[in-house]
Amino acid sequence: MKSNNLIWSWRNVRFTAVIAAIPVIIIDTGHIEAELSLLLGALPASIMGLPPTRKQRRKIIVVGILVGVFLMLGSFMTQWAIVAIPGMFLLAFGAALLLSRRSLSTIAITICLPLAGVGLSYQGLANSIH
């Protein structure tokens, strides 16, 4: 039985290599913390692949912005435990509600919510921006 779940594309391999090359080179020079966030931001774009039209490529920009926003939101919430715990609950609840209504809501629950959790590991907003 043939399955179309995994499709190899050299075009997408080249795209992923290009967007990951700069962060990997900078990480290799010793700036691990600064470029690890950039590499995480490039991960959704590499998963989505390179869409064939410019109009469809706008989704990559939106997803990249969402990654940065939710990473910073998590690092902002970590300053106060009284905000972080209900904040993560509300983010998870909102993502679950969106899941039943919107097509892009899978991004909210599979990428944005976990990255807000990763943002909780930063010691404040200033550390997540660097």
C-alpha atoms as a PDB file:
ATOM      1  CA  MET A   1       0.000   0.000   0.000  1.00  0.00           C
ATOM      2  CA  LYS A   2       1.455   3.360  -1.051  1.00  0.00           C
ATOM      3  CA  SER A   3       1.576   6.186   1.497  1.00  0.00           C
ATOM      4  CA  ASN A   4       2.016   9.875   0.648  1.00  0.00           C
ATOM      5  CA  ASN A   5       2.850  11.001   4.159  1.00  0.00           C
ATOM      6  CA  LEU A   6       6.553  11.544   3.536  1.00  0.00           C
ATOM      7  CA  ILE A   7       7.719  13.051   0.262  1.00  0.00           C
ATOM      8  CA  TRP A   8      11.387  13.751  -0.436  1.00  0.00           C
ATOM      9  CA  SER A   9      12.071  16.932  -2.367  1.00  0.00           C
ATOM     10  CA  TRP A  10      15.554  18.159  -3.264  1.00  0.00           C
ATOM     11  CA  ARG A  11      14.086  21.649  -3.692  1.00  0.00           C
ATOM     12  CA  ASN A  12      13.023  21.682  -0.041  1.00  0.00           C
ATOM     13  CA  VAL A  13      16.367  20.232   1.050  1.00  0.00           C
ATOM     14  CA  ARG A  14      18.196  23.112  -0.645  1.00  0.00           C
ATOM     15  CA  PHE A  15      15.755  25.624   0.880  1.00  0.00           C
ATOM     16  CA  THR A  16      16.344  24.218   4.380  1.00  0.00           C
ATOM     17  CA  ALA A  17      20.113  24.215   3.872  1.00  0.00           C
ATOM     18  CA  VAL A  18      20.070  27.874   2.845  1.00  0.00           C
ATOM     19  CA  ILE A  19      17.942  29.110   5.751  1.00  0.00           C
ATOM     20  CA  ALA A  20      19.849  27.039   8.313  1.00  0.00           C
ATOM     21  CA  ALA A  21      23.358  27.849   7.035  1.00  0.00           C
ATOM     22  CA  ILE A  22      23.717  31.301   8.617  1.00  0.00           C
ATOM     23  CA  PRO A  23      22.615  30.318  12.151  1.00  0.00           C
ATOM     24  CA  VAL A  24      24.722  27.149  12.039  1.00  0.00           C
ATOM     25  CA  ILE A  25      27.837  29.079  10.997  1.00  0.00           C
ATOM     26  CA  ILE A  26      27.315  31.652  13.752  1.00  0.00           C
ATOM     27  CA  ILE A  27      26.653  28.925  16.336  1.00  0.00           C
ATOM     28  CA  ASP A  28      29.911  27.299  15.231  1.00  0.00           C
ATOM     29  CA  THR A  29      31.778  30.533  16.044  1.00  0.00           C
ATOM     30  CA  GLY A  30      30.588  30.343  19.659  1.00  0.00           C
ATOM     31  CA  HIS A  31      27.432  32.477  19.816  1.00  0.00           C
ATOM     32  CA  ILE A  32      25.156  29.605  20.750  1.00  0.00           C
ATOM     33  CA  GLU A  33      22.422  31.353  22.730  1.00  0.00           C
ATOM     34  CA  ALA A  34      21.884  34.168  20.260  1.00  0.00           C
ATOM     35  CA  GLU A  35      21.557  32.062  17.156  1.00  0.00           C
ATOM     36  CA  LEU A  36      19.706  29.117  18.633  1.00  0.00           C
ATOM     37  CA  SER A  37      16.554  31.268  18.653  1.00  0.00           C
ATOM     38  CA  LEU A  38      17.109  32.129  14.998  1.00  0.00           C
ATOM     39  CA  LEU A  39      17.547  28.462  14.195  1.00  0.00           C
ATOM     40  CA  LEU A  40      14.318  27.642  16.043  1.00  0.00           C
ATOM     41  CA  GLY A  41      12.585  30.380  14.061  1.00  0.00           C
ATOM     42  CA  ALA A  42      13.812  28.835  10.811  1.00  0.00           C
ATOM     43  CA  LEU A  43      12.536  25.385  11.756  1.00  0.00           C
ATOM     44  CA  PRO A  44       8.845  25.984  10.847  1.00  0.00           C
ATOM     45  CA  ALA A  45       9.860  27.458   7.510  1.00  0.00           C
ATOM     46  CA  SER A  46      11.928  24.407   6.708  1.00  0.00           C
ATOM     47  CA  ILE A  47       9.097  22.102   7.744  1.00  0.00           C
ATOM     48  CA  MET A  48       6.626  23.973   5.524  1.00  0.00           C
ATOM     49  CA  GLY A  49       8.968  23.818   2.550  1.00  0.00           C
ATOM     50  CA  LEU A  50       9.224  26.401  -0.191  1.00  0.00           C
ATOM     51  CA  PRO A  51       5.776  27.149  -1.617  1.00  0.00           C
ATOM     52  CA  PRO A  52       5.639  27.608  -5.398  1.00  0.00           C
ATOM     53  CA  THR A  53       4.050  31.088  -5.462  1.00  0.00           C
ATOM     54  CA  ARG A  54       4.970  34.333  -3.741  1.00  0.00           C
ATOM     55  CA  LYS A  55       1.504  34.690  -2.270  1.00  0.00           C
ATOM     56  CA  GLN A  56       1.836  31.346  -0.508  1.00  0.00           C
ATOM     57  CA  ARG A  57       5.321  32.264   0.767  1.00  0.00           C
ATOM     58  CA  ARG A  58       3.779  34.922   3.015  1.00  0.00           C
ATOM     59  CA  LYS A  59       2.704  32.119   5.349  1.00  0.00           C
ATOM     60  CA  ILE A  60       6.366  31.442   6.128  1.00  0.00           C
ATOM     61  CA  ILE A  61       6.844  35.045   7.244  1.00  0.00           C
ATOM     62  CA  VAL A  62       3.722  34.894   9.421  1.00  0.00           C
ATOM     63  CA  VAL A  63       4.862  31.654  11.051  1.00  0.00           C
ATOM     64  CA  GLY A  64       8.348  33.074  11.674  1.00  0.00           C
ATOM     65  CA  ILE A  65       6.879  36.147  13.339  1.00  0.00           C
ATOM     66  CA  LEU A  66       4.603  33.976  15.472  1.00  0.00           C
ATOM     67  CA  VAL A  67       7.601  31.931  16.616  1.00  0.00           C
ATOM     68  CA  GLY A  68       9.410  35.062  17.809  1.00  0.00           C
ATOM     69  CA  VAL A  69       6.343  36.585  19.429  1.00  0.00           C
ATOM     70  CA  PHE A  70       5.462  33.484  21.423  1.00  0.00           C
ATOM     71  CA  LEU A  71       9.071  32.894  22.473  1.00  0.00           C
ATOM     72  CA  MET A  72       9.200  36.450  23.807  1.00  0.00           C
ATOM     73  CA  LEU A  73       5.746  36.113  25.384  1.00  0.00           C
ATOM     74  CA  GLY A  74       6.911  33.077  27.334  1.00  0.00           C
ATOM     75  CA  SER A  75      10.052  34.886  28.493  1.00  0.00           C
ATOM     76  CA  PHE A  76       7.929  37.873  29.525  1.00  0.00           C
ATOM     77  CA  MET A  77       5.590  35.686  31.577  1.00  0.00           C
ATOM     78  CA  THR A  78       8.454  33.960  33.394  1.00  0.00           C
ATOM     79  CA  GLN A  79       9.152  37.091  35.425  1.00  0.00           C
ATOM     80  CA  TRP A  80       6.055  36.496  37.539  1.00  0.00           C
ATOM     81  CA  ALA A  81       4.843  33.015  38.483  1.00  0.00           C
ATOM     82  CA  ILE A  82       1.383  34.417  39.165  1.00  0.00           C
ATOM     83  CA  VAL A  83       1.215  35.438  35.492  1.00  0.00           C
ATOM     84  CA  ALA A  84       3.083  32.484  33.951  1.00  0.00           C
ATOM     85  CA  ILE A  85       0.888  29.666  35.239  1.00  0.00           C
ATOM     86  CA  PRO A  86      -2.517  31.098  34.267  1.00  0.00           C
ATOM     87  CA  GLY A  87      -0.955  32.573  31.112  1.00  0.00           C
ATOM     88  CA  MET A  88       0.198  29.180  29.847  1.00  0.00           C
ATOM     89  CA  PHE A  89      -3.200  27.711  30.697  1.00  0.00           C
ATOM     90  CA  LEU A  90      -4.976  30.456  28.763  1.00  0.00           C
ATOM     91  CA  LEU A  91      -2.622  30.032  25.787  1.00  0.00           C
ATOM     92  CA  ALA A  92      -3.307  26.280  25.719  1.00  0.00           C
ATOM     93  CA  PHE A  93      -7.043  26.814  26.107  1.00  0.00           C
ATOM     94  CA  GLY A  94      -7.086  29.460  23.360  1.00  0.00           C
ATOM     95  CA  ALA A  95      -5.067  27.241  21.016  1.00  0.00           C
ATOM     96  CA  ALA A  96      -7.486  24.360  21.631  1.00  0.00           C
ATOM     97  CA  LEU A  97     -10.463  26.605  20.889  1.00  0.00           C
ATOM     98  CA  LEU A  98      -8.812  27.839  17.683  1.00  0.00           C
ATOM     99  CA  LEU A  99      -8.145  24.255  16.650  1.00  0.00           C
ATOM    100  CA  SER A 100     -11.847  23.684  16.114  1.00  0.00           C
ATOM    101  CA  ARG A 101     -12.357  26.840  14.046  1.00  0.00           C
ATOM    102  CA  ARG A 102      -9.380  27.858  11.899  1.00  0.00           C
ATOM    103  CA  SER A 103      -7.128  26.081   9.431  1.00  0.00           C
ATOM    104  CA  LEU A 104      -3.901  27.673  10.666  1.00  0.00           C
ATOM    105  CA  SER A 105      -4.734  26.844  14.257  1.00  0.00           C
ATOM    106  CA  THR A 106      -2.594  23.712  14.127  1.00  0.00           C
ATOM    107  CA  ILE A 107       0.380  26.084  14.077  1.00  0.00           C
ATOM    108  CA  ALA A 108      -0.860  27.614  17.326  1.00  0.00           C
ATOM    109  CA  ILE A 109      -1.001  24.321  19.170  1.00  0.00           C
ATOM    110  CA  THR A 110       2.021  22.587  17.633  1.00  0.00           C
ATOM    111  CA  ILE A 111       4.502  25.470  17.352  1.00  0.00           C
ATOM    112  CA  CYS A 112       3.404  28.603  19.226  1.00  0.00           C
ATOM    113  CA  LEU A 113       2.332  26.999  22.489  1.00  0.00           C
ATOM    114  CA  PRO A 114       5.509  24.881  22.908  1.00  0.00           C
ATOM    115  CA  LEU A 115       7.687  27.882  22.060  1.00  0.00           C
ATOM    116  CA  ALA A 116       5.940  29.924  24.740  1.00  0.00           C
ATOM    117  CA  GLY A 117       6.971  27.105  27.078  1.00  0.00           C
ATOM    118  CA  VAL A 118      10.550  27.339  25.787  1.00  0.00           C
ATOM    119  CA  GLY A 119      10.378  31.076  26.453  1.00  0.00           C
ATOM    120  CA  LEU A 120       9.694  30.283  30.114  1.00  0.00           C
ATOM    121  CA  SER A 121      13.268  29.004  30.372  1.00  0.00           C
ATOM    122  CA  TYR A 122      14.683  32.476  29.633  1.00  0.00           C
ATOM    123  CA  GLN A 123      15.306  34.738  32.631  1.00  0.00           C
ATOM    124  CA  GLY A 124      13.319  37.671  31.315  1.00  0.00           C
ATOM    125  CA  LEU A 125      12.495  39.492  28.119  1.00  0.00           C
ATOM    126  CA  ALA A 126      15.972  40.990  27.678  1.00  0.00           C
ATOM    127  CA  ASN A 127      17.559  37.523  27.552  1.00  0.00           C
ATOM    128  CA  SER A 128      15.140  36.269  24.894  1.00  0.00           C
ATOM    129  CA  ILE A 129      15.818  39.234  22.614  1.00  0.00           C
ATOM    130  CA  HIS A 130      19.607  38.745  22.565  1.00  0.00           C
END
